[in-house]
Amino acid sequence: NALTRQYEALLATEGVELAFTDGSLREMARLASLVNGRTEDIGARRLQTIFEKVLEDISFSASDRPGERIEIEDAFVSDRIGEIAVDEDLSNFIL
């Protein structure tokens, strides 16, 4: 997946190894499809927005975390995005 490789490479510049589980990728795709189905369907751009939101805190703190390996799991995705995706008003505004 080009998005996963892009974010892995971006964080590697800070010395952080980023890895995605299959479950996390499925959950991000599921949430993107859910929000696209309820709001304006912007296709893959929604998935990119979800990636950005999931990785927001990690991206901002990456320079303080060199040498770490961070594995993104489905529970992490749900914690970061789940409530936003389910709430139609929030998802319209944020995602």
PDB file of N, CA and C in Angstrom:
ATOM      1  N   ASN A   1       0.839  -1.181   0.000  1.00  0.00           N
ATOM      2  CA  ASN A   1       0.000   0.000   0.000  1.00  0.00           C
ATOM      3  C   ASN A   1       0.880   1.238   0.000  1.00  0.00           C
ATOM      4  N   ALA A   2       0.596   2.135  -0.900  1.00  0.00           N
ATOM      5  CA  ALA A   2       1.404   3.350  -1.028  1.00  0.00           C
ATOM      6  C   ALA A   2       1.303   4.237   0.210  1.00  0.00           C
ATOM      7  N   LEU A   3       0.115   4.319   0.828  1.00  0.00           N
ATOM      8  CA  LEU A   3      -0.019   5.159   2.019  1.00  0.00           C
ATOM      9  C   LEU A   3       0.808   4.624   3.186  1.00  0.00           C
ATOM     10  N   THR A   4       0.768   3.325   3.393  1.00  0.00           N
ATOM     11  CA  THR A   4       1.559   2.772   4.508  1.00  0.00           C
ATOM     12  C   THR A   4       3.046   2.999   4.263  1.00  0.00           C
ATOM     13  N   ARG A   5       3.505   2.770   3.060  1.00  0.00           N
ATOM     14  CA  ARG A   5       4.928   2.990   2.756  1.00  0.00           C
ATOM     15  C   ARG A   5       5.310   4.456   2.921  1.00  0.00           C
ATOM     16  N   GLN A   6       4.404   5.348   2.539  1.00  0.00           N
ATOM     17  CA  GLN A   6       4.659   6.784   2.661  1.00  0.00           C
ATOM     18  C   GLN A   6       4.827   7.172   4.133  1.00  0.00           C
ATOM     19  N   TYR A   7       3.932   6.726   4.982  1.00  0.00           N
ATOM     20  CA  TYR A   7       4.032   7.069   6.404  1.00  0.00           C
ATOM     21  C   TYR A   7       5.204   6.359   7.078  1.00  0.00           C
ATOM     22  N   GLU A   8       5.489   5.132   6.683  1.00  0.00           N
ATOM     23  CA  GLU A   8       6.652   4.431   7.224  1.00  0.00           C
ATOM     24  C   GLU A   8       7.932   5.181   6.871  1.00  0.00           C
ATOM     25  N   ALA A   9       8.043   5.638   5.631  1.00  0.00           N
ATOM     26  CA  ALA A   9       9.232   6.380   5.192  1.00  0.00           C
ATOM     27  C   ALA A   9       9.327   7.734   5.888  1.00  0.00           C
ATOM     28  N   LEU A  10       8.193   8.407   6.045  1.00  0.00           N
ATOM     29  CA  LEU A  10       8.176   9.704   6.703  1.00  0.00           C
ATOM     30  C   LEU A  10       8.682   9.594   8.142  1.00  0.00           C
ATOM     31  N   LEU A  11       8.196   8.621   8.876  1.00  0.00           N
ATOM     32  CA  LEU A  11       8.623   8.468  10.270  1.00  0.00           C
ATOM     33  C   LEU A  11      10.039   7.903  10.375  1.00  0.00           C
ATOM     34  N   ALA A  12      10.461   7.154   9.362  1.00  0.00           N
ATOM     35  CA  ALA A  12      11.829   6.641   9.366  1.00  0.00           C
ATOM     36  C   ALA A  12      12.842   7.782   9.331  1.00  0.00           C
ATOM     37  N   THR A  13      12.469   8.918   8.750  1.00  0.00           N
ATOM     38  CA  THR A  13      13.384  10.062   8.734  1.00  0.00           C
ATOM     39  C   THR A  13      13.658  10.575  10.147  1.00  0.00           C
ATOM     40  N   GLU A  14      12.766  10.245  11.091  1.00  0.00           N
ATOM     41  CA  GLU A  14      12.944  10.618  12.502  1.00  0.00           C
ATOM     42  C   GLU A  14      13.508   9.464  13.314  1.00  0.00           C
ATOM     43  N   GLY A  15      13.811   8.345  12.640  1.00  0.00           N
ATOM     44  CA  GLY A  15      14.354   7.186  13.335  1.00  0.00           C
ATOM     45  C   GLY A  15      13.301   6.312  13.986  1.00  0.00           C
ATOM     46  N   VAL A  16      12.049   6.477  13.590  1.00  0.00           N
ATOM     47  CA  VAL A  16      10.949   5.691  14.147  1.00  0.00           C
ATOM     48  C   VAL A  16      10.527   4.649  13.120  1.00  0.00           C
ATOM     49  N   GLU A  17      10.440   3.402  13.578  1.00  0.00           N
ATOM     50  CA  GLU A  17       9.969   2.325  12.712  1.00  0.00           C
ATOM     51  C   GLU A  17       8.471   2.165  12.933  1.00  0.00           C
ATOM     52  N   LEU A  18       7.705   2.343  11.875  1.00  0.00           N
ATOM     53  CA  LEU A  18       6.255   2.260  11.947  1.00  0.00           C
ATOM     54  C   LEU A  18       5.809   0.994  11.237  1.00  0.00           C
ATOM     55  N   ALA A  19       4.885   0.270  11.862  1.00  0.00           N
ATOM     56  CA  ALA A  19       4.353  -0.947  11.257  1.00  0.00           C
ATOM     57  C   ALA A  19       2.839  -0.974  11.461  1.00  0.00           C
ATOM     58  N   PHE A  20       2.133  -1.495  10.489  1.00  0.00           N
ATOM     59  CA  PHE A  20       0.678  -1.610  10.547  1.00  0.00           C
ATOM     60  C   PHE A  20       0.296  -3.080  10.559  1.00  0.00           C
ATOM     61  N   THR A  21      -0.619  -3.460  11.447  1.00  0.00           N
ATOM     62  CA  THR A  21      -1.142  -4.821  11.403  1.00  0.00           C
ATOM     63  C   THR A  21      -2.199  -4.880  10.311  1.00  0.00           C
ATOM     64  N   ASP A  22      -2.491  -6.089   9.847  1.00  0.00           N
ATOM     65  CA  ASP A  22      -3.553  -6.251   8.850  1.00  0.00           C
ATOM     66  C   ASP A  22      -4.878  -5.741   9.415  1.00  0.00           C
ATOM     67  N   GLY A  23      -5.104  -5.989  10.697  1.00  0.00           N
ATOM     68  CA  GLY A  23      -6.337  -5.539  11.337  1.00  0.00           C
ATOM     69  C   GLY A  23      -6.474  -4.028  11.336  1.00  0.00           C
ATOM     70  N   SER A  24      -5.372  -3.320  11.549  1.00  0.00           N
ATOM     71  CA  SER A  24      -5.444  -1.853  11.560  1.00  0.00           C
ATOM     72  C   SER A  24      -5.772  -1.320  10.172  1.00  0.00           C
ATOM     73  N   LEU A  25      -5.229  -1.933   9.155  1.00  0.00           N
ATOM     74  CA  LEU A  25      -5.510  -1.496   7.787  1.00  0.00           C
ATOM     75  C   LEU A  25      -6.962  -1.773   7.419  1.00  0.00           C
ATOM     76  N   ARG A  26      -7.471  -2.940   7.835  1.00  0.00           N
ATOM     77  CA  ARG A  26      -8.878  -3.253   7.581  1.00  0.00           C
ATOM     78  C   ARG A  26      -9.790  -2.274   8.311  1.00  0.00           C
ATOM     79  N   GLU A  27      -9.436  -1.931   9.558  1.00  0.00           N
ATOM     80  CA  GLU A  27     -10.267  -1.011  10.333  1.00  0.00           C
ATOM     81  C   GLU A  27     -10.272   0.385   9.710  1.00  0.00           C
ATOM     82  N   MET A  28      -9.127   0.868   9.254  1.00  0.00           N
ATOM     83  CA  MET A  28      -9.098   2.179   8.600  1.00  0.00           C
ATOM     84  C   MET A  28      -9.917   2.162   7.312  1.00  0.00           C
ATOM     85  N   ALA A  29      -9.819   1.089   6.551  1.00  0.00           N
ATOM     86  CA  ALA A  29     -10.607   0.979   5.313  1.00  0.00           C
ATOM     87  C   ALA A  29     -12.101   0.905   5.631  1.00  0.00           C
ATOM     88  N   ARG A  30     -12.458   0.165   6.684  1.00  0.00           N
ATOM     89  CA  ARG A  30     -13.861   0.047   7.079  1.00  0.00           C
ATOM     90  C   ARG A  30     -14.423   1.412   7.485  1.00  0.00           C
ATOM     91  N   LEU A  31     -13.666   2.151   8.280  1.00  0.00           N
ATOM     92  CA  LEU A  31     -14.119   3.460   8.737  1.00  0.00           C
ATOM     93  C   LEU A  31     -14.221   4.447   7.577  1.00  0.00           C
ATOM     94  N   ALA A  32     -13.275   4.397   6.658  1.00  0.00           N
ATOM     95  CA  ALA A  32     -13.330   5.274   5.476  1.00  0.00           C
ATOM     96  C   ALA A  32     -14.579   4.972   4.659  1.00  0.00           C
ATOM     97  N   SER A  33     -14.887   3.709   4.482  1.00  0.00           N
ATOM     98  CA  SER A  33     -16.075   3.314   3.730  1.00  0.00           C
ATOM     99  C   SER A  33     -17.342   3.743   4.456  1.00  0.00           C
ATOM    100  N   LEU A  34     -17.361   3.575   5.776  1.00  0.00           N
ATOM    101  CA  LEU A  34     -18.518   3.980   6.580  1.00  0.00           C
ATOM    102  C   LEU A  34     -18.787   5.477   6.433  1.00  0.00           C
ATOM    103  N   VAL A  35     -17.767   6.285   6.589  1.00  0.00           N
ATOM    104  CA  VAL A  35     -17.938   7.738   6.505  1.00  0.00           C
ATOM    105  C   VAL A  35     -18.269   8.152   5.070  1.00  0.00           C
ATOM    106  N   ASN A  36     -17.609   7.565   4.097  1.00  0.00           N
ATOM    107  CA  ASN A  36     -17.925   7.883   2.695  1.00  0.00           C
ATOM    108  C   ASN A  36     -19.372   7.543   2.360  1.00  0.00           C
ATOM    109  N   GLY A  37     -19.892   6.482   2.962  1.00  0.00           N
ATOM    110  CA  GLY A  37     -21.261   6.076   2.697  1.00  0.00           C
ATOM    111  C   GLY A  37     -22.293   7.013   3.304  1.00  0.00           C
ATOM    112  N   ARG A  38     -21.923   7.696   4.379  1.00  0.00           N
ATOM    113  CA  ARG A  38     -22.864   8.576   5.077  1.00  0.00           C
ATOM    114  C   ARG A  38     -22.729  10.035   4.695  1.00  0.00           C
ATOM    115  N   THR A  39     -21.583  10.414   4.205  1.00  0.00           N
ATOM    116  CA  THR A  39     -21.332  11.810   3.862  1.00  0.00           C
ATOM    117  C   THR A  39     -20.908  11.868   2.404  1.00  0.00           C
ATOM    118  N   GLU A  40     -20.344  12.968   2.009  1.00  0.00           N
ATOM    119  CA  GLU A  40     -19.848  13.084   0.639  1.00  0.00           C
ATOM    120  C   GLU A  40     -18.779  12.019   0.398  1.00  0.00           C
ATOM    121  N   ASP A  41     -18.937  11.250  -0.651  1.00  0.00           N
ATOM    122  CA  ASP A  41     -17.978  10.190  -0.968  1.00  0.00           C
ATOM    123  C   ASP A  41     -16.781  10.801  -1.676  1.00  0.00           C
ATOM    124  N   ILE A  42     -15.686  10.932  -0.939  1.00  0.00           N
ATOM    125  CA  ILE A  42     -14.473  11.498  -1.533  1.00  0.00           C
ATOM    126  C   ILE A  42     -13.430  10.410  -1.786  1.00  0.00           C
ATOM    127  N   GLY A  43     -13.877   9.165  -1.750  1.00  0.00           N
ATOM    128  CA  GLY A  43     -13.039   8.039  -2.119  1.00  0.00           C
ATOM    129  C   GLY A  43     -11.802   7.878  -1.259  1.00  0.00           C
ATOM    130  N   ALA A  44     -10.676   7.652  -1.922  1.00  0.00           N
ATOM    131  CA  ALA A  44      -9.418   7.370  -1.236  1.00  0.00           C
ATOM    132  C   ALA A  44      -8.902   8.547  -0.416  1.00  0.00           C
ATOM    133  N   ARG A  45      -9.351   9.749  -0.741  1.00  0.00           N
ATOM    134  CA  ARG A  45      -8.938  10.903   0.065  1.00  0.00           C
ATOM    135  C   ARG A  45      -9.424  10.764   1.500  1.00  0.00           C
ATOM    136  N   ARG A  46     -10.569  10.119   1.707  1.00  0.00           N
ATOM    137  CA  ARG A  46     -11.079   9.871   3.056  1.00  0.00           C
ATOM    138  C   ARG A  46     -10.114   8.947   3.794  1.00  0.00           C
ATOM    139  N   LEU A  47      -9.632   7.928   3.117  1.00  0.00           N
ATOM    140  CA  LEU A  47      -8.684   7.009   3.744  1.00  0.00           C
ATOM    141  C   LEU A  47      -7.412   7.744   4.149  1.00  0.00           C
ATOM    142  N   GLN A  48      -6.932   8.621   3.296  1.00  0.00           N
ATOM    143  CA  GLN A  48      -5.741   9.398   3.624  1.00  0.00           C
ATOM    144  C   GLN A  48      -5.995  10.281   4.845  1.00  0.00           C
ATOM    145  N   THR A  49      -7.171  10.873   4.924  1.00  0.00           N
ATOM    146  CA  THR A  49      -7.524  11.702   6.076  1.00  0.00           C
ATOM    147  C   THR A  49      -7.546  10.863   7.350  1.00  0.00           C
ATOM    148  N   ILE A  50      -8.043   9.648   7.255  1.00  0.00           N
ATOM    149  CA  ILE A  50      -8.071   8.762   8.420  1.00  0.00           C
ATOM    150  C   ILE A  50      -6.653   8.394   8.832  1.00  0.00           C
ATOM    151  N   PHE A  51      -5.789   8.089   7.878  1.00  0.00           N
ATOM    152  CA  PHE A  51      -4.382   7.822   8.191  1.00  0.00           C
ATOM    153  C   PHE A  51      -3.785   9.005   8.952  1.00  0.00           C
ATOM    154  N   GLU A  52      -4.012  10.203   8.442  1.00  0.00           N
ATOM    155  CA  GLU A  52      -3.457  11.406   9.069  1.00  0.00           C
ATOM    156  C   GLU A  52      -3.951  11.559  10.502  1.00  0.00           C
ATOM    157  N   LYS A  53      -5.236  11.324  10.723  1.00  0.00           N
ATOM    158  CA  LYS A  53      -5.804  11.472  12.065  1.00  0.00           C
ATOM    159  C   LYS A  53      -5.272  10.397  13.006  1.00  0.00           C
ATOM    160  N   VAL A  54      -5.153   9.166  12.525  1.00  0.00           N
ATOM    161  CA  VAL A  54      -4.640   8.066  13.352  1.00  0.00           C
ATOM    162  C   VAL A  54      -3.199   8.338  13.770  1.00  0.00           C
ATOM    163  N   LEU A  55      -2.411   8.872  12.856  1.00  0.00           N
ATOM    164  CA  LEU A  55      -0.974   9.049  13.100  1.00  0.00           C
ATOM    165  C   LEU A  55      -0.596  10.442  13.587  1.00  0.00           C
ATOM    166  N   GLU A  56      -1.551  11.301  13.790  1.00  0.00           N
ATOM    167  CA  GLU A  56      -1.297  12.692  14.147  1.00  0.00           C
ATOM    168  C   GLU A  56      -0.364  12.839  15.356  1.00  0.00           C
ATOM    169  N   ASP A  57      -0.706  12.236  16.474  1.00  0.00           N
ATOM    170  CA  ASP A  57       0.119  12.370  17.686  1.00  0.00           C
ATOM    171  C   ASP A  57       1.500  11.743  17.502  1.00  0.00           C
ATOM    172  N   ILE A  58       1.543  10.608  16.829  1.00  0.00           N
ATOM    173  CA  ILE A  58       2.823   9.934  16.591  1.00  0.00           C
ATOM    174  C   ILE A  58       3.706  10.803  15.708  1.00  0.00           C
ATOM    175  N   SER A  59       3.137  11.384  14.675  1.00  0.00           N
ATOM    176  CA  SER A  59       3.917  12.236  13.776  1.00  0.00           C
ATOM    177  C   SER A  59       4.511  13.434  14.507  1.00  0.00           C
ATOM    178  N   PHE A  60       3.709  14.058  15.371  1.00  0.00           N
ATOM    179  CA  PHE A  60       4.192  15.238  16.082  1.00  0.00           C
ATOM    180  C   PHE A  60       5.250  14.903  17.133  1.00  0.00           C
ATOM    181  N   SER A  61       5.205  13.697  17.673  1.00  0.00           N
ATOM    182  CA  SER A  61       6.175  13.334  18.719  1.00  0.00           C
ATOM    183  C   SER A  61       7.331  12.495  18.192  1.00  0.00           C
ATOM    184  N   ALA A  62       7.357  12.227  16.897  1.00  0.00           N
ATOM    185  CA  ALA A  62       8.368  11.327  16.323  1.00  0.00           C
ATOM    186  C   ALA A  62       9.789  11.774  16.603  1.00  0.00           C
ATOM    187  N   SER A  63      10.046  13.054  16.577  1.00  0.00           N
ATOM    188  CA  SER A  63      11.428  13.514  16.797  1.00  0.00           C
ATOM    189  C   SER A  63      11.899  13.234  18.221  1.00  0.00           C
ATOM    190  N   ASP A  64      10.986  12.998  19.136  1.00  0.00           N
ATOM    191  CA  ASP A  64      11.329  12.652  20.515  1.00  0.00           C
ATOM    192  C   ASP A  64      11.379  11.148  20.741  1.00  0.00           C
ATOM    193  N   ARG A  65      11.179  10.356  19.685  1.00  0.00           N
ATOM    194  CA  ARG A  65      11.067   8.902  19.828  1.00  0.00           C
ATOM    195  C   ARG A  65      12.013   8.117  18.921  1.00  0.00           C
ATOM    196  N   PRO A  66      13.214   8.626  18.629  1.00  0.00           N
ATOM    197  CA  PRO A  66      14.089   7.875  17.721  1.00  0.00           C
ATOM    198  C   PRO A  66      14.431   6.502  18.299  1.00  0.00           C
ATOM    199  N   GLY A  67      14.503   5.531  17.419  1.00  0.00           N
ATOM    200  CA  GLY A  67      14.831   4.171  17.822  1.00  0.00           C
ATOM    201  C   GLY A  67      13.630   3.348  18.242  1.00  0.00           C
ATOM    202  N   GLU A  68      12.466   3.948  18.324  1.00  0.00           N
ATOM    203  CA  GLU A  68      11.259   3.208  18.716  1.00  0.00           C
ATOM    204  C   GLU A  68      10.644   2.503  17.519  1.00  0.00           C
ATOM    205  N   ARG A  69       9.988   1.401  17.822  1.00  0.00           N
ATOM    206  CA  ARG A  69       9.162   0.698  16.827  1.00  0.00           C
ATOM    207  C   ARG A  69       7.722   0.833  17.305  1.00  0.00           C
ATOM    208  N   ILE A  70       6.879   1.371  16.461  1.00  0.00           N
ATOM    209  CA  ILE A  70       5.479   1.580  16.809  1.00  0.00           C
ATOM    210  C   ILE A  70       4.640   0.738  15.869  1.00  0.00           C
ATOM    211  N   GLU A  71       3.842  -0.146  16.457  1.00  0.00           N
ATOM    212  CA  GLU A  71       2.949  -0.978  15.661  1.00  0.00           C
ATOM    213  C   GLU A  71       1.523  -0.470  15.839  1.00  0.00           C
ATOM    214  N   ILE A  72       0.898  -0.147  14.742  1.00  0.00           N
ATOM    215  CA  ILE A  72      -0.474   0.346  14.741  1.00  0.00           C
ATOM    216  C   ILE A  72      -1.405  -0.853  14.640  1.00  0.00           C
ATOM    217  N   GLU A  73      -2.245  -1.022  15.651  1.00  0.00           N
ATOM    218  CA  GLU A  73      -3.194  -2.132  15.697  1.00  0.00           C
ATOM    219  C   GLU A  73      -4.616  -1.603  15.554  1.00  0.00           C
ATOM    220  N   ASP A  74      -5.553  -2.498  15.291  1.00  0.00           N
ATOM    221  CA  ASP A  74      -6.939  -2.083  15.078  1.00  0.00           C
ATOM    222  C   ASP A  74      -7.530  -1.376  16.289  1.00  0.00           C
ATOM    223  N   ALA A  75      -7.168  -1.776  17.496  1.00  0.00           N
ATOM    224  CA  ALA A  75      -7.691  -1.114  18.699  1.00  0.00           C
ATOM    225  C   ALA A  75      -7.215   0.341  18.761  1.00  0.00           C
ATOM    226  N   PHE A  76      -5.982   0.592  18.343  1.00  0.00           N
ATOM    227  CA  PHE A  76      -5.453   1.949  18.326  1.00  0.00           C
ATOM    228  C   PHE A  76      -6.247   2.808  17.334  1.00  0.00           C
ATOM    229  N   VAL A  77      -6.532   2.241  16.173  1.00  0.00           N
ATOM    230  CA  VAL A  77      -7.318   2.956  15.158  1.00  0.00           C
ATOM    231  C   VAL A  77      -8.704   3.289  15.715  1.00  0.00           C
ATOM    232  N   SER A  78      -9.336   2.304  16.341  1.00  0.00           N
ATOM    233  CA  SER A  78     -10.668   2.525  16.911  1.00  0.00           C
ATOM    234  C   SER A  78     -10.638   3.593  17.989  1.00  0.00           C
ATOM    235  N   ASP A  79      -9.605   3.579  18.819  1.00  0.00           N
ATOM    236  CA  ASP A  79      -9.480   4.595  19.871  1.00  0.00           C
ATOM    237  C   ASP A  79      -9.340   5.997  19.289  1.00  0.00           C
ATOM    238  N   ARG A  80      -8.587   6.116  18.213  1.00  0.00           N
ATOM    239  CA  ARG A  80      -8.329   7.436  17.624  1.00  0.00           C
ATOM    240  C   ARG A  80      -9.472   7.930  16.736  1.00  0.00           C
ATOM    241  N   ILE A  81     -10.159   7.026  16.050  1.00  0.00           N
ATOM    242  CA  ILE A  81     -11.116   7.435  15.025  1.00  0.00           C
ATOM    243  C   ILE A  81     -12.535   6.933  15.267  1.00  0.00           C
ATOM    244  N   GLY A  82     -12.702   5.844  15.975  1.00  0.00           N
ATOM    245  CA  GLY A  82     -14.001   5.186  16.099  1.00  0.00           C
ATOM    246  C   GLY A  82     -15.153   6.099  16.432  1.00  0.00           C
ATOM    247  N   GLU A  83     -15.039   6.875  17.504  1.00  0.00           N
ATOM    248  CA  GLU A  83     -16.141   7.749  17.913  1.00  0.00           C
ATOM    249  C   GLU A  83     -16.406   8.849  16.888  1.00  0.00           C
ATOM    250  N   ILE A  84     -15.349   9.354  16.289  1.00  0.00           N
ATOM    251  CA  ILE A  84     -15.508  10.411  15.282  1.00  0.00           C
ATOM    252  C   ILE A  84     -16.254   9.862  14.066  1.00  0.00           C
ATOM    253  N   ALA A  85     -15.877   8.662  13.636  1.00  0.00           N
ATOM    254  CA  ALA A  85     -16.493   8.079  12.442  1.00  0.00           C
ATOM    255  C   ALA A  85     -17.963   7.759  12.672  1.00  0.00           C
ATOM    256  N   VAL A  86     -18.314   7.352  13.881  1.00  0.00           N
ATOM    257  CA  VAL A  86     -19.687   6.975  14.177  1.00  0.00           C
ATOM    258  C   VAL A  86     -20.586   8.198  14.332  1.00  0.00           C
ATOM    259  N   ASP A  87     -20.042   9.287  14.849  1.00  0.00           N
ATOM    260  CA  ASP A  87     -20.809  10.517  15.054  1.00  0.00           C
ATOM    261  C   ASP A  87     -20.851  11.288  13.734  1.00  0.00           C
ATOM    262  N   GLU A  88     -22.006  11.336  13.124  1.00  0.00           N
ATOM    263  CA  GLU A  88     -22.127  11.937  11.795  1.00  0.00           C
ATOM    264  C   GLU A  88     -21.693  13.399  11.749  1.00  0.00           C
ATOM    265  N   ASP A  89     -22.065  14.161  12.773  1.00  0.00           N
ATOM    266  CA  ASP A  89     -21.666  15.571  12.802  1.00  0.00           C
ATOM    267  C   ASP A  89     -20.156  15.735  12.898  1.00  0.00           C
ATOM    268  N   LEU A  90     -19.533  14.945  13.788  1.00  0.00           N
ATOM    269  CA  LEU A  90     -18.073  15.021  13.921  1.00  0.00           C
ATOM    270  C   LEU A  90     -17.360  14.566  12.669  1.00  0.00           C
ATOM    271  N   SER A  91     -17.831  13.460  12.090  1.00  0.00           N
ATOM    272  CA  SER A  91     -17.158  12.948  10.894  1.00  0.00           C
ATOM    273  C   SER A  91     -17.273  13.919   9.734  1.00  0.00           C
ATOM    274  N   ASN A  92     -18.401  14.630   9.636  1.00  0.00           N
ATOM    275  CA  ASN A  92     -18.524  15.652   8.583  1.00  0.00           C
ATOM    276  C   ASN A  92     -17.508  16.752   8.768  1.00  0.00           C
ATOM    277  N   PHE A  93     -17.251  17.112   9.998  1.00  0.00           N
ATOM    278  CA  PHE A  93     -16.347  18.218  10.304  1.00  0.00           C
ATOM    279  C   PHE A  93     -14.882  17.798  10.272  1.00  0.00           C
ATOM    280  N   ILE A  94     -14.559  16.645  10.847  1.00  0.00           N
ATOM    281  CA  ILE A  94     -13.163  16.248  11.040  1.00  0.00           C
ATOM    282  C   ILE A  94     -12.641  15.361   9.910  1.00  0.00           C
ATOM    283  N   LEU A  95     -13.460  14.437   9.438  1.00  0.00           N
ATOM    284  CA  LEU A  95     -12.982  13.486   8.434  1.00  0.00           C
ATOM    285  C   LEU A  95     -13.509  13.846   7.057  1.00  0.00           C
TER     286      LEU A  95
END
